[in-house]
Amino acid sequence: MKRHVAALVMAVFIMLAGAGCGGYYQVTDTTSGRTYYTTKVKEKDGRIEFKDAGSGSTVRLHSSEVKELSEEEYKAKTSK
């Protein structure tokens, strides 16, 4: 069931990203539970790819959950 929900969330996200909607995102790796923050996510070869705001590294995940955040939420979660 979790896979279906994650796939649905990802499909909606890809449609929004493809329409040119920008924003702030919280990405959770559903395998490890690790959380990342980013301003841009793209789908590539059946996985998502983004630059992690915390480390600056490019992250590629096959199984993830993406949640859109307000600018205020994003800034609060990424401020050091």
N, C-alpha and C. Protein backbone atom coordinates (compact mmCIF):
# COMPACT_ATOMS: atom_id res chain seq x y z
N MET A 1 0.82 -1.20 0.00
CA MET A 1 0.00 0.00 0.00
C MET A 1 0.86 1.26 0.00
N LYS A 2 1.96 1.25 0.80
CA LYS A 2 2.84 2.40 0.85
C LYS A 2 3.43 2.72 -0.52
N ARG A 3 3.73 1.68 -1.28
CA ARG A 3 4.29 1.88 -2.62
C ARG A 3 3.30 2.60 -3.52
N HIS A 4 2.03 2.25 -3.42
CA HIS A 4 1.01 2.87 -4.26
C HIS A 4 0.85 4.35 -3.90
N VAL A 5 0.87 4.63 -2.63
CA VAL A 5 0.75 6.03 -2.18
C VAL A 5 1.98 6.81 -2.64
N ALA A 6 3.15 6.23 -2.47
CA ALA A 6 4.38 6.90 -2.89
C ALA A 6 4.38 7.13 -4.40
N ALA A 7 3.91 6.16 -5.16
CA ALA A 7 3.84 6.31 -6.62
C ALA A 7 2.86 7.41 -7.00
N LEU A 8 1.74 7.50 -6.31
CA LEU A 8 0.75 8.53 -6.59
C LEU A 8 1.31 9.91 -6.26
N VAL A 9 1.96 10.03 -5.10
CA VAL A 9 2.56 11.30 -4.70
C VAL A 9 3.61 11.70 -5.73
N MET A 10 4.41 10.75 -6.17
CA MET A 10 5.45 11.05 -7.15
C MET A 10 4.85 11.46 -8.49
N ALA A 11 3.80 10.81 -8.92
CA ALA A 11 3.15 11.16 -10.18
C ALA A 11 2.61 12.59 -10.15
N VAL A 12 1.98 12.95 -9.05
CA VAL A 12 1.45 14.31 -8.90
C VAL A 12 2.61 15.31 -8.90
N PHE A 13 3.67 14.98 -8.18
CA PHE A 13 4.81 15.87 -8.12
C PHE A 13 5.43 16.07 -9.51
N ILE A 14 5.59 15.00 -10.26
CA ILE A 14 6.18 15.10 -11.59
C ILE A 14 5.32 15.96 -12.50
N MET A 15 4.00 15.82 -12.39
CA MET A 15 3.11 16.65 -13.20
C MET A 15 3.29 18.13 -12.84
N LEU A 16 3.38 18.44 -11.56
CA LEU A 16 3.58 19.83 -11.14
C LEU A 16 4.94 20.35 -11.58
N ALA A 17 5.96 19.53 -11.44
CA ALA A 17 7.31 19.95 -11.83
C ALA A 17 7.38 20.16 -13.34
N GLY A 18 6.72 19.30 -14.09
CA GLY A 18 6.70 19.42 -15.53
C GLY A 18 5.95 20.65 -16.00
N ALA A 19 5.03 21.14 -15.20
CA ALA A 19 4.27 22.33 -15.56
C ALA A 19 5.03 23.60 -15.23
N GLY A 20 6.23 23.46 -14.69
CA GLY A 20 7.06 24.62 -14.39
C GLY A 20 6.82 25.22 -13.02
N CYS A 21 6.12 24.52 -12.16
CA CYS A 21 5.88 25.03 -10.82
C CYS A 21 7.14 24.84 -9.98
N GLY A 22 7.64 25.90 -9.42
CA GLY A 22 8.80 25.80 -8.55
C GLY A 22 8.33 25.75 -7.12
N GLY A 23 9.24 25.53 -6.23
CA GLY A 23 8.83 25.52 -4.84
C GLY A 23 9.90 24.99 -3.93
N TYR A 24 9.47 24.56 -2.79
CA TYR A 24 10.34 24.04 -1.74
C TYR A 24 9.82 22.66 -1.37
N TYR A 25 10.74 21.70 -1.23
CA TYR A 25 10.32 20.32 -1.05
C TYR A 25 11.08 19.62 0.06
N GLN A 26 10.37 18.72 0.73
CA GLN A 26 10.95 17.79 1.68
C GLN A 26 10.87 16.42 1.02
N VAL A 27 12.00 15.78 0.85
CA VAL A 27 12.04 14.47 0.21
C VAL A 27 12.48 13.46 1.26
N THR A 28 11.69 12.41 1.43
CA THR A 28 12.02 11.36 2.39
C THR A 28 12.33 10.08 1.65
N ASP A 29 13.49 9.51 1.92
CA ASP A 29 13.87 8.21 1.38
C ASP A 29 13.07 7.17 2.15
N THR A 30 12.14 6.52 1.48
CA THR A 30 11.26 5.58 2.19
C THR A 30 11.98 4.31 2.61
N THR A 31 13.16 4.06 2.07
CA THR A 31 13.93 2.89 2.48
C THR A 31 14.66 3.14 3.79
N SER A 32 15.35 4.27 3.88
CA SER A 32 16.16 4.56 5.08
C SER A 32 15.47 5.48 6.08
N GLY A 33 14.47 6.24 5.61
CA GLY A 33 13.80 7.21 6.47
C GLY A 33 14.50 8.56 6.52
N ARG A 34 15.62 8.69 5.82
CA ARG A 34 16.37 9.95 5.81
C ARG A 34 15.58 11.04 5.08
N THR A 35 15.65 12.27 5.60
CA THR A 35 14.92 13.40 5.02
C THR A 35 15.88 14.40 4.41
N TYR A 36 15.52 14.90 3.24
CA TYR A 36 16.30 15.89 2.51
C TYR A 36 15.41 17.09 2.21
N TYR A 37 16.04 18.23 1.92
CA TYR A 37 15.31 19.44 1.53
C TYR A 37 15.92 19.98 0.25
N THR A 38 15.06 20.45 -0.66
CA THR A 38 15.52 20.93 -1.96
C THR A 38 14.53 21.90 -2.56
N THR A 39 14.96 22.60 -3.59
CA THR A 39 14.06 23.53 -4.29
C THR A 39 13.71 23.03 -5.69
N LYS A 40 14.31 21.92 -6.10
CA LYS A 40 14.03 21.40 -7.44
C LYS A 40 14.22 19.90 -7.45
N VAL A 41 13.24 19.18 -7.96
CA VAL A 41 13.31 17.73 -8.08
C VAL A 41 12.98 17.37 -9.52
N LYS A 42 13.76 16.46 -10.08
CA LYS A 42 13.44 16.00 -11.43
C LYS A 42 13.42 14.48 -11.46
N GLU A 43 12.60 13.94 -12.35
CA GLU A 43 12.48 12.51 -12.53
C GLU A 43 13.43 12.10 -13.65
N LYS A 44 14.20 11.04 -13.42
CA LYS A 44 15.18 10.59 -14.40
C LYS A 44 15.34 9.08 -14.29
N ASP A 45 15.09 8.37 -15.36
CA ASP A 45 15.27 6.92 -15.41
C ASP A 45 14.54 6.17 -14.29
N GLY A 46 13.32 6.58 -13.98
CA GLY A 46 12.52 5.88 -12.98
C GLY A 46 12.87 6.23 -11.55
N ARG A 47 13.67 7.24 -11.35
CA ARG A 47 14.02 7.68 -10.00
C ARG A 47 13.95 9.20 -9.95
N ILE A 48 14.03 9.75 -8.76
CA ILE A 48 14.08 11.20 -8.67
C ILE A 48 15.50 11.63 -8.36
N GLU A 49 15.82 12.85 -8.77
CA GLU A 49 17.16 13.38 -8.59
C GLU A 49 17.03 14.83 -8.13
N PHE A 50 17.84 15.22 -7.16
CA PHE A 50 17.78 16.58 -6.64
C PHE A 50 19.08 16.92 -5.94
N LYS A 51 19.29 18.20 -5.68
CA LYS A 51 20.45 18.67 -4.94
C LYS A 51 20.01 18.92 -3.50
N ASP A 52 20.64 18.22 -2.57
CA ASP A 52 20.30 18.35 -1.15
C ASP A 52 20.78 19.70 -0.63
N ALA A 53 19.87 20.47 -0.02
CA ALA A 53 20.20 21.79 0.50
C ALA A 53 21.20 21.72 1.63
N GLY A 54 21.20 20.67 2.40
CA GLY A 54 22.09 20.55 3.55
C GLY A 54 23.54 20.27 3.18
N SER A 55 23.75 19.33 2.26
CA SER A 55 25.11 18.92 1.91
C SER A 55 25.59 19.47 0.58
N GLY A 56 24.65 19.88 -0.26
CA GLY A 56 25.00 20.33 -1.61
C GLY A 56 25.22 19.18 -2.57
N SER A 57 25.04 17.96 -2.10
CA SER A 57 25.25 16.77 -2.93
C SER A 57 24.04 16.47 -3.80
N THR A 58 24.28 15.88 -4.95
CA THR A 58 23.20 15.39 -5.79
C THR A 58 22.76 14.04 -5.25
N VAL A 59 21.45 13.89 -5.04
CA VAL A 59 20.89 12.66 -4.47
C VAL A 59 19.96 12.03 -5.50
N ARG A 60 20.05 10.71 -5.63
CA ARG A 60 19.17 9.96 -6.53
C ARG A 60 18.48 8.88 -5.70
N LEU A 61 17.15 8.85 -5.77
CA LEU A 61 16.38 7.89 -4.99
C LEU A 61 15.37 7.15 -5.87
N HIS A 62 15.25 5.85 -5.66
CA HIS A 62 14.25 5.05 -6.37
C HIS A 62 12.93 5.03 -5.62
N SER A 63 13.00 5.10 -4.32
CA SER A 63 11.80 5.01 -3.49
C SER A 63 11.76 6.21 -2.55
N SER A 64 10.82 7.12 -2.81
CA SER A 64 10.80 8.34 -2.01
C SER A 64 9.39 8.89 -1.87
N GLU A 65 9.27 9.81 -0.95
CA GLU A 65 8.02 10.53 -0.73
C GLU A 65 8.37 12.02 -0.77
N VAL A 66 7.63 12.79 -1.58
CA VAL A 66 7.91 14.20 -1.76
C VAL A 66 6.76 15.02 -1.20
N LYS A 67 7.11 16.01 -0.39
CA LYS A 67 6.10 16.89 0.19
C LYS A 67 6.48 18.33 -0.11
N GLU A 68 5.54 19.10 -0.64
CA GLU A 68 5.80 20.51 -0.91
C GLU A 68 5.68 21.30 0.39
N LEU A 69 6.61 22.23 0.60
CA LEU A 69 6.64 23.06 1.79
C LEU A 69 6.44 24.52 1.43
N SER A 70 6.00 25.30 2.39
CA SER A 70 5.95 26.75 2.19
C SER A 70 7.39 27.26 2.32
N GLU A 71 7.62 28.46 1.85
CA GLU A 71 8.95 29.05 1.94
C GLU A 71 9.40 29.16 3.40
N GLU A 72 8.47 29.51 4.28
CA GLU A 72 8.79 29.64 5.70
C GLU A 72 9.19 28.30 6.31
N GLU A 73 8.45 27.25 6.00
CA GLU A 73 8.77 25.91 6.51
C GLU A 73 10.16 25.49 6.02
N TYR A 74 10.41 25.70 4.73
CA TYR A 74 11.68 25.32 4.14
C TYR A 74 12.84 26.04 4.84
N LYS A 75 12.70 27.35 5.00
CA LYS A 75 13.76 28.13 5.64
C LYS A 75 13.99 27.70 7.08
N ALA A 76 12.91 27.39 7.79
CA ALA A 76 13.03 26.94 9.19
C ALA A 76 13.75 25.60 9.27
N LYS A 77 13.48 24.71 8.34
CA LYS A 77 14.08 23.37 8.38
C LYS A 77 15.50 23.34 7.84
N THR A 78 15.88 24.33 7.04
CA THR A 78 17.22 24.31 6.45
C THR A 78 18.17 25.33 7.06
N SER A 79 17.69 26.17 7.97
CA SER A 79 18.60 27.14 8.58
C SER A 79 19.53 26.44 9.55
N LYS A 80 20.75 26.92 9.63
CA LYS A 80 21.76 26.26 10.47
C LYS A 80 22.00 27.00 11.73
